[in-house]
PDB file of all heavy atoms in Angstrom:
ATOM      1  N   CYS A   1       0.827  -1.202   0.005  1.00  0.00           N
ATOM      2  CA  CYS A   1       0.003   0.003   0.004  1.00  0.00           C
ATOM      3  C   CYS A   1       0.865   1.260   0.000  1.00  0.00           C
ATOM      4  O   CYS A   1       1.841   1.364   0.763  1.00  0.00           O
ATOM      5  CB  CYS A   1      -0.909   0.021   1.224  1.00  0.00           C
ATOM      6  SG  CYS A   1      -2.263  -1.178   1.167  1.00  0.00           S
ATOM      7  N   ASN A   2       0.511   2.202  -0.848  1.00  0.00           N
ATOM      8  CA  ASN A   2       1.061   3.540  -0.776  1.00  0.00           C
ATOM      9  C   ASN A   2       0.090   4.416   0.035  1.00  0.00           C
ATOM     10  O   ASN A   2      -0.795   3.889   0.716  1.00  0.00           O
ATOM     11  CB  ASN A   2       1.323   4.104  -2.171  1.00  0.00           C
ATOM     12  CG  ASN A   2       0.078   4.023  -3.045  1.00  0.00           C
ATOM     13  OD1 ASN A   2      -1.048   3.910  -2.553  1.00  0.00           O
ATOM     14  ND2 ASN A   2       0.269   4.066  -4.344  1.00  0.00           N
ATOM     15  N   PHE A   3       0.226   5.733  -0.074  1.00  0.00           N
ATOM     16  CA  PHE A   3      -0.663   6.602   0.685  1.00  0.00           C
ATOM     17  C   PHE A   3      -2.127   6.371   0.329  1.00  0.00           C
ATOM     18  O   PHE A   3      -2.998   6.394   1.203  1.00  0.00           O
ATOM     19  CB  PHE A   3      -0.294   8.064   0.460  1.00  0.00           C
ATOM     20  CG  PHE A   3       0.951   8.478   1.180  1.00  0.00           C
ATOM     21  CD1 PHE A   3       1.741   9.507   0.700  1.00  0.00           C
ATOM     22  CD2 PHE A   3       1.364   7.834   2.329  1.00  0.00           C
ATOM     23  CE1 PHE A   3       2.897   9.892   1.355  1.00  0.00           C
ATOM     24  CE2 PHE A   3       2.507   8.189   2.997  1.00  0.00           C
ATOM     25  CZ  PHE A   3       3.283   9.232   2.507  1.00  0.00           C
ATOM     26  N   ASP A   4      -2.401   6.152  -0.951  1.00  0.00           N
ATOM     27  CA  ASP A   4      -3.786   5.899  -1.359  1.00  0.00           C
ATOM     28  C   ASP A   4      -4.327   4.616  -0.733  1.00  0.00           C
ATOM     29  O   ASP A   4      -5.495   4.537  -0.320  1.00  0.00           O
ATOM     30  CB  ASP A   4      -3.874   5.809  -2.888  1.00  0.00           C
ATOM     31  CG  ASP A   4      -3.602   7.145  -3.559  1.00  0.00           C
ATOM     32  OD1 ASP A   4      -3.816   8.195  -2.899  1.00  0.00           O
ATOM     33  OD2 ASP A   4      -3.157   7.135  -4.734  1.00  0.00           O
ATOM     34  N   GLY A   5      -3.468   3.577  -0.678  1.00  0.00           N
ATOM     35  CA  GLY A   5      -3.895   2.319  -0.080  1.00  0.00           C
ATOM     36  C   GLY A   5      -4.176   2.455   1.403  1.00  0.00           C
ATOM     37  O   GLY A   5      -5.201   1.953   1.917  1.00  0.00           O
ATOM     38  N   TYR A   6      -3.278   3.116   2.126  1.00  0.00           N
ATOM     39  CA  TYR A   6      -3.520   3.311   3.559  1.00  0.00           C
ATOM     40  C   TYR A   6      -4.712   4.223   3.796  1.00  0.00           C
ATOM     41  O   TYR A   6      -5.430   4.066   4.782  1.00  0.00           O
ATOM     42  CB  TYR A   6      -2.271   3.887   4.227  1.00  0.00           C
ATOM     43  CG  TYR A   6      -1.161   2.862   4.395  1.00  0.00           C
ATOM     44  CD1 TYR A   6       0.068   3.025   3.773  1.00  0.00           C
ATOM     45  CD2 TYR A   6      -1.375   1.725   5.157  1.00  0.00           C
ATOM     46  CE1 TYR A   6       1.068   2.089   3.915  1.00  0.00           C
ATOM     47  CE2 TYR A   6      -0.377   0.765   5.300  1.00  0.00           C
ATOM     48  CZ  TYR A   6       0.837   0.956   4.683  1.00  0.00           C
ATOM     49  OH  TYR A   6       1.826   0.015   4.818  1.00  0.00           O
ATOM     50  N   HIS A   7      -4.923   5.171   2.875  1.00  0.00           N
ATOM     51  CA  HIS A   7      -6.114   6.014   2.989  1.00  0.00           C
ATOM     52  C   HIS A   7      -7.371   5.170   2.826  1.00  0.00           C
ATOM     53  O   HIS A   7      -8.380   5.396   3.527  1.00  0.00           O
ATOM     54  CB  HIS A   7      -6.071   7.120   1.929  1.00  0.00           C
ATOM     55  CG  HIS A   7      -7.281   8.010   1.949  1.00  0.00           C
ATOM     56  ND1 HIS A   7      -7.510   8.933   2.939  1.00  0.00           N
ATOM     57  CD2 HIS A   7      -8.356   8.087   1.103  1.00  0.00           C
ATOM     58  CE1 HIS A   7      -8.655   9.553   2.711  1.00  0.00           C
ATOM     59  NE2 HIS A   7      -9.173   9.059   1.598  1.00  0.00           N
ATOM     60  N   CYS A   8      -7.330   4.184   1.923  1.00  0.00           N
ATOM     61  CA  CYS A   8      -8.469   3.272   1.740  1.00  0.00           C
ATOM     62  C   CYS A   8      -8.714   2.449   2.994  1.00  0.00           C
ATOM     63  O   CYS A   8      -9.842   2.313   3.456  1.00  0.00           O
ATOM     64  CB  CYS A   8      -8.215   2.365   0.546  1.00  0.00           C
ATOM     65  SG  CYS A   8      -9.449   1.066   0.311  1.00  0.00           S
ATOM     66  N   LEU A   9      -7.623   1.888   3.545  1.00  0.00           N
ATOM     67  CA  LEU A   9      -7.778   1.107   4.786  1.00  0.00           C
ATOM     68  C   LEU A   9      -8.276   1.992   5.926  1.00  0.00           C
ATOM     69  O   LEU A   9      -9.081   1.569   6.748  1.00  0.00           O
ATOM     70  CB  LEU A   9      -6.453   0.448   5.155  1.00  0.00           C
ATOM     71  CG  LEU A   9      -5.966  -0.665   4.226  1.00  0.00           C
ATOM     72  CD1 LEU A   9      -4.567  -1.122   4.617  1.00  0.00           C
ATOM     73  CD2 LEU A   9      -6.923  -1.843   4.260  1.00  0.00           C
ATOM     74  N   ARG A  10      -7.797   3.228   5.974  1.00  0.00           N
ATOM     75  CA  ARG A  10      -8.243   4.140   7.005  1.00  0.00           C
ATOM     76  C   ARG A  10      -9.716   4.536   6.779  1.00  0.00           C
ATOM     77  O   ARG A  10     -10.504   4.603   7.725  1.00  0.00           O
ATOM     78  CB  ARG A  10      -7.375   5.385   7.011  1.00  0.00           C
ATOM     79  CG  ARG A  10      -7.771   6.418   8.069  1.00  0.00           C
ATOM     80  CD  ARG A  10      -6.798   7.579   8.104  1.00  0.00           C
ATOM     81  NE  ARG A  10      -6.822   8.336   6.863  1.00  0.00           N
ATOM     82  CZ  ARG A  10      -6.108   9.445   6.659  1.00  0.00           C
ATOM     83  NH1 ARG A  10      -5.294   9.883   7.603  1.00  0.00           N
ATOM     84  NH2 ARG A  10      -6.187  10.070   5.497  1.00  0.00           N
ATOM     85  N   LYS A  11     -10.081   4.770   5.518  1.00  0.00           N
ATOM     86  CA  LYS A  11     -11.444   5.162   5.193  1.00  0.00           C
ATOM     87  C   LYS A  11     -12.427   4.067   5.549  1.00  0.00           C
ATOM     88  O   LYS A  11     -13.548   4.344   5.981  1.00  0.00           O
ATOM     89  CB  LYS A  11     -11.530   5.500   3.712  1.00  0.00           C
ATOM     90  CG  LYS A  11     -12.911   5.925   3.230  1.00  0.00           C
ATOM     91  CD  LYS A  11     -12.883   6.212   1.750  1.00  0.00           C
ATOM     92  CE  LYS A  11     -14.293   6.581   1.249  1.00  0.00           C
ATOM     93  NZ  LYS A  11     -14.289   6.855  -0.220  1.00  0.00           N
ATOM     94  N   ASN A  12     -12.023   2.813   5.336  1.00  0.00           N
ATOM     95  CA  ASN A  12     -12.906   1.681   5.613  1.00  0.00           C
ATOM     96  C   ASN A  12     -12.718   1.090   6.987  1.00  0.00           C
ATOM     97  O   ASN A  12     -13.271   0.020   7.276  1.00  0.00           O
ATOM     98  CB  ASN A  12     -12.689   0.582   4.563  1.00  0.00           C
ATOM     99  CG  ASN A  12     -13.138   0.999   3.170  1.00  0.00           C
ATOM    100  OD1 ASN A  12     -14.304   0.941   2.850  1.00  0.00           O
ATOM    101  ND2 ASN A  12     -12.194   1.448   2.356  1.00  0.00           N
ATOM    102  N   SER A  13     -11.931   1.748   7.824  1.00  0.00           N
ATOM    103  CA  SER A  13     -11.597   1.161   9.120  1.00  0.00           C
ATOM    104  C   SER A  13     -12.822   0.951   9.999  1.00  0.00           C
ATOM    105  O   SER A  13     -12.939  -0.042  10.709  1.00  0.00           O
ATOM    106  CB  SER A  13     -10.588   2.042   9.858  1.00  0.00           C
ATOM    107  OG  SER A  13     -11.130   3.344  10.094  1.00  0.00           O
ATOM    108  N   ASP A  14     -13.793   1.881   9.928  1.00  0.00           N
ATOM    109  CA  ASP A  14     -14.971   1.776  10.803  1.00  0.00           C
ATOM    110  C   ASP A  14     -15.826   0.571  10.448  1.00  0.00           C
ATOM    111  O   ASP A  14     -16.341  -0.124  11.333  1.00  0.00           O
ATOM    112  CB  ASP A  14     -15.804   3.048  10.722  1.00  0.00           C
ATOM    113  CG  ASP A  14     -15.074   4.254  11.301  1.00  0.00           C
ATOM    114  OD1 ASP A  14     -14.168   4.028  12.124  1.00  0.00           O
ATOM    115  OD2 ASP A  14     -15.410   5.391  10.919  1.00  0.00           O
ATOM    116  N   CYS A  15     -15.986   0.304   9.147  1.00  0.00           N
ATOM    117  CA  CYS A  15     -16.879  -0.774   8.737  1.00  0.00           C
ATOM    118  C   CYS A  15     -16.153  -2.071   8.436  1.00  0.00           C
ATOM    119  O   CYS A  15     -16.776  -3.122   8.343  1.00  0.00           O
ATOM    120  CB  CYS A  15     -17.678  -0.362   7.493  1.00  0.00           C
ATOM    121  SG  CYS A  15     -16.665   0.045   6.059  1.00  0.00           S
ATOM    122  N   VAL A  16     -14.821  -2.032   8.292  1.00  0.00           N
ATOM    123  CA  VAL A  16     -14.090  -3.224   7.873  1.00  0.00           C
ATOM    124  C   VAL A  16     -13.141  -3.730   8.940  1.00  0.00           C
ATOM    125  O   VAL A  16     -12.725  -4.882   8.921  1.00  0.00           O
ATOM    126  CB  VAL A  16     -13.312  -2.920   6.568  1.00  0.00           C
ATOM    127  CG1 VAL A  16     -12.564  -4.151   6.082  1.00  0.00           C
ATOM    128  CG2 VAL A  16     -14.262  -2.463   5.479  1.00  0.00           C
ATOM    129  N   SER A  17     -12.795  -2.894   9.897  1.00  0.00           N
ATOM    130  CA  SER A  17     -11.784  -3.270  10.881  1.00  0.00           C
ATOM    131  C   SER A  17     -12.129  -4.564  11.590  1.00  0.00           C
ATOM    132  O   SER A  17     -11.306  -5.461  11.712  1.00  0.00           O
ATOM    133  CB  SER A  17     -11.599  -2.154  11.900  1.00  0.00           C
ATOM    134  OG  SER A  17     -10.640  -2.521  12.878  1.00  0.00           O
ATOM    135  N   ASP A  18     -13.388  -4.674  12.030  1.00  0.00           N
ATOM    136  CA  ASP A  18     -13.776  -5.894  12.742  1.00  0.00           C
ATOM    137  C   ASP A  18     -13.702  -7.104  11.831  1.00  0.00           C
ATOM    138  O   ASP A  18     -13.332  -8.208  12.257  1.00  0.00           O
ATOM    139  CB  ASP A  18     -15.192  -5.745  13.303  1.00  0.00           C
ATOM    140  CG  ASP A  18     -15.262  -4.740  14.438  1.00  0.00           C
ATOM    141  OD1 ASP A  18     -14.202  -4.452  15.021  1.00  0.00           O
ATOM    142  OD2 ASP A  18     -16.357  -4.221  14.713  1.00  0.00           O
ATOM    143  N   ILE A  19     -14.032  -6.935  10.541  1.00  0.00           N
ATOM    144  CA  ILE A  19     -13.974  -8.050   9.595  1.00  0.00           C
ATOM    145  C   ILE A  19     -12.529  -8.455   9.366  1.00  0.00           C
ATOM    146  O   ILE A  19     -12.183  -9.639   9.349  1.00  0.00           O
ATOM    147  CB  ILE A  19     -14.657  -7.658   8.277  1.00  0.00           C
ATOM    148  CG1 ILE A  19     -16.143  -7.388   8.506  1.00  0.00           C
ATOM    149  CG2 ILE A  19     -14.478  -8.750   7.231  1.00  0.00           C
ATOM    150  CD1 ILE A  19     -16.877  -6.934   7.279  1.00  0.00           C
ATOM    151  N   LEU A  20     -11.644  -7.481   9.190  1.00  0.00           N
ATOM    152  CA  LEU A  20     -10.239  -7.799   8.966  1.00  0.00           C
ATOM    153  C   LEU A  20      -9.620  -8.492  10.163  1.00  0.00           C
ATOM    154  O   LEU A  20      -8.756  -9.357  10.020  1.00  0.00           O
ATOM    155  CB  LEU A  20      -9.470  -6.507   8.656  1.00  0.00           C
ATOM    156  CG  LEU A  20      -9.617  -5.971   7.233  1.00  0.00           C
ATOM    157  CD1 LEU A  20      -9.050  -4.569   7.127  1.00  0.00           C
ATOM    158  CD2 LEU A  20      -8.941  -6.875   6.228  1.00  0.00           C
ATOM    159  N   LEU A  21     -10.039  -8.114  11.353  1.00  0.00           N
ATOM    160  CA  LEU A  21      -9.435  -8.693  12.545  1.00  0.00           C
ATOM    161  C   LEU A  21     -10.015 -10.054  12.880  1.00  0.00           C
ATOM    162  O   LEU A  21      -9.281 -10.982  13.234  1.00  0.00           O
ATOM    163  CB  LEU A  21      -9.613  -7.746  13.739  1.00  0.00           C
ATOM    164  CG  LEU A  21      -8.855  -6.410  13.643  1.00  0.00           C
ATOM    165  CD1 LEU A  21      -9.102  -5.579  14.896  1.00  0.00           C
ATOM    166  CD2 LEU A  21      -7.365  -6.634  13.468  1.00  0.00           C
ATOM    167  N   THR A  22     -11.328 -10.219  12.770  1.00  0.00           N
ATOM    168  CA  THR A  22     -11.960 -11.465  13.222  1.00  0.00           C
ATOM    169  C   THR A  22     -12.145 -12.483  12.100  1.00  0.00           C
ATOM    170  O   THR A  22     -12.302 -13.670  12.361  1.00  0.00           O
ATOM    171  CB  THR A  22     -13.322 -11.158  13.854  1.00  0.00           C
ATOM    172  OG1 THR A  22     -14.165 -10.500  12.881  1.00  0.00           O
ATOM    173  CG2 THR A  22     -13.151 -10.246  15.053  1.00  0.00           C
ATOM    174  N   LEU A  23     -12.164 -12.013  10.819  1.00  0.00           N
ATOM    175  CA  LEU A  23     -12.351 -12.894   9.671  1.00  0.00           C
ATOM    176  C   LEU A  23     -13.572 -13.800   9.833  1.00  0.00           C
ATOM    177  O   LEU A  23     -13.466 -15.030   9.815  1.00  0.00           O
ATOM    178  CB  LEU A  23     -11.103 -13.752   9.441  1.00  0.00           C
ATOM    179  CG  LEU A  23      -9.819 -12.997   9.113  1.00  0.00           C
ATOM    180  CD1 LEU A  23      -8.657 -13.969   9.044  1.00  0.00           C
ATOM    181  CD2 LEU A  23      -9.958 -12.227   7.816  1.00  0.00           C
ATOM    182  N   PRO A  24     -14.767 -13.213   9.993  1.00  0.00           N
ATOM    183  CA  PRO A  24     -15.959 -14.061  10.123  1.00  0.00           C
ATOM    184  C   PRO A  24     -16.298 -14.762   8.818  1.00  0.00           C
ATOM    185  O   PRO A  24     -15.814 -14.367   7.745  1.00  0.00           O
ATOM    186  CB  PRO A  24     -17.048 -13.034  10.498  1.00  0.00           C
ATOM    187  CG  PRO A  24     -16.579 -11.765   9.883  1.00  0.00           C
ATOM    188  CD  PRO A  24     -15.077 -11.787   9.980  1.00  0.00           C
ATOM    189  N   PRO A  25     -17.143 -15.810   8.847  1.00  0.00           N
ATOM    190  CA  PRO A  25     -17.497 -16.512   7.600  1.00  0.00           C
ATOM    191  C   PRO A  25     -18.168 -15.629   6.563  1.00  0.00           C
ATOM    192  O   PRO A  25     -18.137 -15.927   5.381  1.00  0.00           O
ATOM    193  CB  PRO A  25     -18.451 -17.609   8.102  1.00  0.00           C
ATOM    194  CG  PRO A  25     -18.099 -17.809   9.541  1.00  0.00           C
ATOM    195  CD  PRO A  25     -17.672 -16.470  10.048  1.00  0.00           C
ATOM    196  N   SER A  26     -18.772 -14.519   6.988  1.00  0.00           N
ATOM    197  CA  SER A  26     -19.470 -13.645   6.060  1.00  0.00           C
ATOM    198  C   SER A  26     -18.523 -12.936   5.094  1.00  0.00           C
ATOM    199  O   SER A  26     -18.973 -12.302   4.144  1.00  0.00           O
ATOM    200  CB  SER A  26     -20.281 -12.595   6.830  1.00  0.00           C
ATOM    201  OG  SER A  26     -19.440 -11.809   7.660  1.00  0.00           O
ATOM    202  N   THR A  27     -17.211 -13.014   5.309  1.00  0.00           N
ATOM    203  CA  THR A  27     -16.273 -12.355   4.400  1.00  0.00           C
ATOM    204  C   THR A  27     -16.193 -13.061   3.050  1.00  0.00           C
ATOM    205  O   THR A  27     -15.698 -12.479   2.085  1.00  0.00           O
ATOM    206  CB  THR A  27     -14.865 -12.340   5.022  1.00  0.00           C
ATOM    207  OG1 THR A  27     -14.452 -13.687   5.296  1.00  0.00           O
ATOM    208  CG2 THR A  27     -14.859 -11.541   6.309  1.00  0.00           C
ATOM    209  N   ASN A  28     -16.649 -14.298   2.972  1.00  0.00           N
ATOM    210  CA  ASN A  28     -16.613 -15.072   1.731  1.00  0.00           C
ATOM    211  C   ASN A  28     -15.183 -15.275   1.214  1.00  0.00           C
ATOM    212  O   ASN A  28     -14.965 -15.427   0.018  1.00  0.00           O
ATOM    213  CB  ASN A  28     -17.470 -14.415   0.640  1.00  0.00           C
ATOM    214  CG  ASN A  28     -18.943 -14.393   1.000  1.00  0.00           C
ATOM    215  OD1 ASN A  28     -19.450 -15.345   1.602  1.00  0.00           O
ATOM    216  ND2 ASN A  28     -19.637 -13.338   0.651  1.00  0.00           N
ATOM    217  N   VAL A  29     -14.224 -15.229   2.095  1.00  0.00           N
ATOM    218  CA  VAL A  29     -12.846 -15.529   1.746  1.00  0.00           C
ATOM    219  C   VAL A  29     -12.550 -16.953   2.155  1.00  0.00           C
ATOM    220  O   VAL A  29     -12.761 -17.335   3.312  1.00  0.00           O
ATOM    221  CB  VAL A  29     -11.878 -14.550   2.443  1.00  0.00           C
ATOM    222  CG1 VAL A  29     -10.441 -14.947   2.152  1.00  0.00           C
ATOM    223  CG2 VAL A  29     -12.136 -13.134   1.971  1.00  0.00           C
ATOM    224  N   GLU A  30     -12.093 -17.765   1.208  1.00  0.00           N
ATOM    225  CA  GLU A  30     -11.804 -19.168   1.501  1.00  0.00           C
ATOM    226  C   GLU A  30     -10.477 -19.256   2.247  1.00  0.00           C
ATOM    227  O   GLU A  30      -9.410 -19.292   1.644  1.00  0.00           O
ATOM    228  CB  GLU A  30     -11.761 -19.973   0.206  1.00  0.00           C
ATOM    229  CG  GLU A  30     -13.097 -20.066  -0.515  1.00  0.00           C
ATOM    230  CD  GLU A  30     -14.126 -20.850   0.270  1.00  0.00           C
ATOM    231  OE1 GLU A  30     -13.718 -21.715   1.087  1.00  0.00           O
ATOM    232  OE2 GLU A  30     -15.320 -20.579   0.109  1.00  0.00           O
ATOM    233  N   CYS A  31     -10.557 -19.290   3.549  1.00  0.00           N
ATOM    234  CA  CYS A  31      -9.328 -19.371   4.344  1.00  0.00           C
ATOM    235  C   CYS A  31      -8.801 -20.797   4.426  1.00  0.00           C
ATOM    236  O   CYS A  31      -7.599 -21.019   4.355  1.00  0.00           O
ATOM    237  CB  CYS A  31      -9.579 -18.829   5.754  1.00  0.00           C
ATOM    238  SG  CYS A  31      -9.919 -17.053   5.806  1.00  0.00           S
ATOM    239  N   ASN A  32      -9.706 -21.767   4.594  1.00  0.00           N
ATOM    240  CA  ASN A  32      -9.294 -23.176   4.715  1.00  0.00           C
ATOM    241  C   ASN A  32      -8.244 -23.360   5.810  1.00  0.00           C
ATOM    242  O   ASN A  32      -7.261 -24.085   5.631  1.00  0.00           O
ATOM    243  CB  ASN A  32      -8.747 -23.707   3.376  1.00  0.00           C
ATOM    244  CG  ASN A  32      -9.790 -23.702   2.283  1.00  0.00           C
ATOM    245  OD1 ASN A  32     -10.948 -24.003   2.525  1.00  0.00           O
ATOM    246  ND2 ASN A  32      -9.375 -23.346   1.078  1.00  0.00           N
ATOM    247  N   CYS A  33      -8.433 -22.672   6.914  1.00  0.00           N
ATOM    248  CA  CYS A  33      -7.459 -22.725   8.007  1.00  0.00           C
ATOM    249  C   CYS A  33      -7.829 -23.849   8.980  1.00  0.00           C
ATOM    250  O   CYS A  33      -8.827 -23.751   9.716  1.00  0.00           O
ATOM    251  CB  CYS A  33      -7.404 -21.389   8.749  1.00  0.00           C
ATOM    252  SG  CYS A  33      -6.736 -20.045   7.741  1.00  0.00           S
ATOM    253  N   LEU A  34      -7.061 -24.907   8.944  1.00  0.00           N
ATOM    254  CA  LEU A  34      -7.253 -26.020   9.872  1.00  0.00           C
ATOM    255  C   LEU A  34      -6.300 -25.855  11.062  1.00  0.00           C
ATOM    256  O   LEU A  34      -5.228 -25.251  10.925  1.00  0.00           O
ATOM    257  CB  LEU A  34      -6.965 -27.337   9.173  1.00  0.00           C
ATOM    258  CG  LEU A  34      -7.907 -27.714   8.023  1.00  0.00           C
ATOM    259  CD1 LEU A  34      -7.457 -28.998   7.359  1.00  0.00           C
ATOM    260  CD2 LEU A  34      -9.343 -27.860   8.512  1.00  0.00           C
ATOM    261  N   PRO A  35      -6.661 -26.367  12.215  1.00  0.00           N
ATOM    262  CA  PRO A  35      -5.773 -26.255  13.374  1.00  0.00           C
ATOM    263  C   PRO A  35      -4.498 -27.051  13.197  1.00  0.00           C
ATOM    264  O   PRO A  35      -4.400 -27.928  12.325  1.00  0.00           O
ATOM    265  CB  PRO A  35      -6.633 -26.795  14.525  1.00  0.00           C
ATOM    266  CG  PRO A  35      -7.634 -27.684  13.871  1.00  0.00           C
ATOM    267  CD  PRO A  35      -7.925 -27.064  12.535  1.00  0.00           C
ATOM    268  N   ASN A  36      -3.526 -26.756  14.029  1.00  0.00           N
ATOM    269  CA  ASN A  36      -2.271 -27.506  14.018  1.00  0.00           C
ATOM    270  C   ASN A  36      -2.499 -28.899  14.594  1.00  0.00           C
ATOM    271  O   ASN A  36      -3.209 -29.065  15.585  1.00  0.00           O
ATOM    272  CB  ASN A  36      -1.211 -26.777  14.850  1.00  0.00           C
ATOM    273  CG  ASN A  36      -0.925 -25.397  14.327  1.00  0.00           C
ATOM    274  OD1 ASN A  36      -1.008 -25.148  13.132  1.00  0.00           O
ATOM    275  ND2 ASN A  36      -0.585 -24.485  15.218  1.00  0.00           N
ATOM    276  N   CYS A  37      -1.874 -29.893  13.988  1.00  0.00           N
ATOM    277  CA  CYS A  37      -2.006 -31.261  14.509  1.00  0.00           C
ATOM    278  C   CYS A  37      -1.339 -31.388  15.885  1.00  0.00           C
ATOM    279  O   CYS A  37      -1.878 -32.027  16.776  1.00  0.00           O
ATOM    280  CB  CYS A  37      -1.408 -32.248  13.520  1.00  0.00           C
ATOM    281  SG  CYS A  37      -2.380 -32.446  12.008  1.00  0.00           S
ATOM    282  N   ASP A  38      -0.160 -30.815  16.022  1.00  0.00           N
ATOM    283  CA  ASP A  38       0.514 -30.755  17.322  1.00  0.00           C
ATOM    284  C   ASP A  38       0.466 -29.307  17.785  1.00  0.00           C
ATOM    285  O   ASP A  38       1.077 -28.433  17.150  1.00  0.00           O
ATOM    286  CB  ASP A  38       1.960 -31.245  17.228  1.00  0.00           C
ATOM    287  CG  ASP A  38       2.039 -32.724  16.913  1.00  0.00           C
ATOM    288  OD1 ASP A  38       1.120 -33.466  17.287  1.00  0.00           O
ATOM    289  OD2 ASP A  38       3.033 -33.141  16.278  1.00  0.00           O
ATOM    290  N   ASP A  39      -0.265 -29.054  18.835  1.00  0.00           N
ATOM    291  CA  ASP A  39      -0.529 -27.670  19.226  1.00  0.00           C
ATOM    292  C   ASP A  39      -0.298 -27.500  20.711  1.00  0.00           C
ATOM    293  O   ASP A  39      -0.605 -28.386  21.516  1.00  0.00           O
ATOM    294  CB  ASP A  39      -1.964 -27.286  18.878  1.00  0.00           C
ATOM    295  CG  ASP A  39      -2.156 -25.789  18.812  1.00  0.00           C
ATOM    296  OD1 ASP A  39      -1.151 -25.059  18.838  1.00  0.00           O
ATOM    297  OD2 ASP A  39      -3.316 -25.345  18.726  1.00  0.00           O
TER     298      ASP A  39
END
């Protein structure tokens, strides 16, 4: 990100911050994150 990119992240921080941090299923991003076998 350059200044425009950070401005976008800053502009969307109120409505997107929680989504970026928690990654709920509603994001429609295929994470496919399985737990560690040895944890």
